C-alpha atoms as a PDB file:
ATOM      1  CA  MET A   1       1.398   5.647 -19.757  1.00  0.00           C
ATOM      2  CA  TYR A   2       4.109   3.405 -21.271  1.00  0.00           C
ATOM      3  CA  GLU A   3       5.089   1.786 -24.720  1.00  0.00           C
ATOM      4  CA  GLU A   4       6.732  -1.662 -24.505  1.00  0.00           C
ATOM      5  CA  THR A   5       9.636  -1.862 -26.909  1.00  0.00           C
ATOM      6  CA  SER A   6      10.380  -4.874 -28.886  1.00  0.00           C
ATOM      7  CA  THR A   7      13.466  -5.592 -27.022  1.00  0.00           C
ATOM      8  CA  ARG A   8      11.400  -5.279 -23.965  1.00  0.00           C
ATOM      9  CA  SER A   9       8.948  -8.026 -25.484  1.00  0.00           C
ATOM     10  CA  VAL A  10      11.440 -10.526 -26.799  1.00  0.00           C
ATOM     11  CA  VAL A  11      13.157 -10.430 -23.124  1.00  0.00           C
ATOM     12  CA  LYS A  12       9.665 -10.906 -21.695  1.00  0.00           C
ATOM     13  CA  ALA A  13       9.209 -13.746 -24.271  1.00  0.00           C
ATOM     14  CA  LEU A  14      12.501 -15.685 -23.710  1.00  0.00           C
ATOM     15  CA  SER A  15      12.022 -15.179 -19.724  1.00  0.00           C
ATOM     16  CA  TRP A  16       8.702 -16.749 -19.969  1.00  0.00           C
ATOM     17  CA  ARG A  17       9.760 -19.495 -22.620  1.00  0.00           C
ATOM     18  CA  VAL A  18      12.703 -20.270 -20.077  1.00  0.00           C
ATOM     19  CA  PHE A  19       9.901 -20.430 -17.330  1.00  0.00           C
ATOM     20  CA  ALA A  20       7.958 -22.383 -18.505  1.00  0.00           C
ATOM     21  CA  THR A  21      10.040 -24.815 -19.750  1.00  0.00           C
ATOM     22  CA  LEU A  22      11.633 -25.511 -16.166  1.00  0.00           C
ATOM     23  CA  THR A  23       8.088 -26.102 -15.127  1.00  0.00           C
ATOM     24  CA  THR A  24       7.840 -28.485 -17.585  1.00  0.00           C
ATOM     25  CA  THR A  25      11.092 -29.721 -16.944  1.00  0.00           C
ATOM     26  CA  GLY A  26      10.668 -29.794 -13.013  1.00  0.00           C
ATOM     27  CA  LEU A  27       7.259 -31.776 -13.737  1.00  0.00           C
ATOM     28  CA  ILE A  28       8.518 -34.456 -15.620  1.00  0.00           C
ATOM     29  CA  PHE A  29      11.348 -35.080 -12.781  1.00  0.00           C
ATOM     30  CA  ALA A  30       8.824 -35.025 -10.307  1.00  0.00           C
ATOM     31  CA  PHE A  31       6.613 -38.109 -11.538  1.00  0.00           C
ATOM     32  CA  THR A  32       9.376 -40.034 -13.369  1.00  0.00           C
ATOM     33  CA  GLY A  33      12.817 -39.382 -11.130  1.00  0.00           C
ATOM     34  CA  ARG A  34      14.695 -39.520 -14.291  1.00  0.00           C
ATOM     35  CA  LEU A  35      16.823 -36.262 -15.223  1.00  0.00           C
ATOM     36  CA  ASP A  36      17.574 -37.469 -18.495  1.00  0.00           C
ATOM     37  CA  LEU A  37      13.685 -37.835 -19.539  1.00  0.00           C
ATOM     38  CA  ALA A  38      12.909 -34.402 -17.583  1.00  0.00           C
ATOM     39  CA  ILE A  39      15.373 -32.394 -19.610  1.00  0.00           C
ATOM     40  CA  THR A  40      14.896 -34.214 -23.466  1.00  0.00           C
ATOM     41  CA  VAL A  41      10.955 -33.901 -22.939  1.00  0.00           C
ATOM     42  CA  GLY A  42      12.138 -30.190 -21.748  1.00  0.00           C
ATOM     43  CA  VAL A  43      14.165 -29.358 -25.141  1.00  0.00           C
ATOM     44  CA  VAL A  44      11.392 -30.965 -27.313  1.00  0.00           C
ATOM     45  CA  GLU A  45       8.590 -29.110 -25.940  1.00  0.00           C
ATOM     46  CA  ALA A  46      10.563 -26.113 -26.072  1.00  0.00           C
ATOM     47  CA  ALA A  47      11.790 -26.692 -29.725  1.00  0.00           C
ATOM     48  CA  ALA A  48       7.919 -28.059 -30.314  1.00  0.00           C
ATOM     49  CA  LYS A  49       5.811 -24.842 -28.664  1.00  0.00           C
ATOM     50  CA  MET A  50       8.165 -21.851 -30.888  1.00  0.00           C
ATOM     51  CA  ALA A  51       7.669 -23.800 -34.015  1.00  0.00           C
ATOM     52  CA  LEU A  52       4.289 -24.341 -33.384  1.00  0.00           C
ATOM     53  CA  TYR A  53       3.785 -20.187 -31.861  1.00  0.00           C
ATOM     54  CA  PHE A  54       5.656 -19.412 -35.289  1.00  0.00           C
ATOM     55  CA  ALA A  55       2.997 -21.237 -37.397  1.00  0.00           C
ATOM     56  CA  HIS A  56       0.086 -20.023 -35.257  1.00  0.00           C
ATOM     57  CA  GLU A  57       1.392 -16.130 -35.754  1.00  0.00           C
ATOM     58  CA  ARG A  58       1.664 -16.752 -39.315  1.00  0.00           C
ATOM     59  CA  LEU A  59      -1.696 -18.357 -39.606  1.00  0.00           C
ATOM     60  CA  TRP A  60      -2.869 -14.990 -37.910  1.00  0.00           C
ATOM     61  CA  ASN A  61      -1.510 -12.848 -40.067  1.00  0.00           C
ATOM     62  CA  ARG A  62      -3.659 -13.971 -42.695  1.00  0.00           C
ATOM     63  CA  PHE A  63      -6.988 -13.359 -41.082  1.00  0.00           C
ATOM     64  CA  GLY A  64      -8.213  -9.331 -40.861  1.00  0.00           C
ATOM     65  CA  PHE A  65     -10.302  -9.572 -37.543  1.00  0.00           C
ATOM     66  CA  GLY A  66      -9.424  -7.467 -35.291  1.00  0.00           C
ATOM     67  CA  ARG A  67      -7.433  -5.579 -36.917  1.00  0.00           C
ATOM     68  CA  LYS A  68      -7.639  -1.664 -37.815  1.00  0.00           C
ATOM     69  CA  PRO A  69      -6.115   0.664 -40.252  1.00  0.00           C
ATOM     70  CA  VAL A  70      -4.130   2.867 -38.764  1.00  0.00           C
ATOM     71  CA  HIS A  71      -3.516   6.052 -39.642  1.00  0.00           C
ATOM     72  CA  GLN A  72      -0.346   6.916 -41.813  1.00  0.00           C
ATOM     73  CA  ALA A  73       0.957   9.786 -39.883  1.00  0.00           C
ATOM     74  CA  LEU A  74      -0.072   8.301 -36.690  1.00  0.00           C
ATOM     75  CA  ALA A  75       2.218   5.269 -37.769  1.00  0.00           C
ATOM     76  CA  ALA A  76       4.845   7.110 -38.708  1.00  0.00           C
ATOM     77  CA  SER A  77       4.939   8.573 -35.143  1.00  0.00           C
ATOM     78  CA  GLU A  78       5.310   5.764 -33.759  1.00  0.00           C
ATOM     79  CA  LYS A  79       7.850   4.614 -36.034  1.00  0.00           C
ATOM     80  CA  LEU A  80       9.857   7.291 -35.260  1.00  0.00           C
ATOM     81  CA  ALA A  81       9.532   7.050 -31.811  1.00  0.00           C
ATOM     82  CA  SER A  82      11.138   3.166 -31.496  1.00  0.00           C
END
């Protein structure tokens, strides 16, 4: 069994964002035939979704739903492993 590193999670998040933005850009181009509009929408979409995701994460940090306390020794050993 493997544990993901933070670096792997960041790379996966960035690759997903690139893939999703290219999909949006491609769809806009396919429907309109305008590359300038497709690129503009792609850039705005990426920026908006990153900002909204950040706000979403910060909001969820205010709630304890689904969280369990972690035993101090377990937390310390996991921190040393990463």
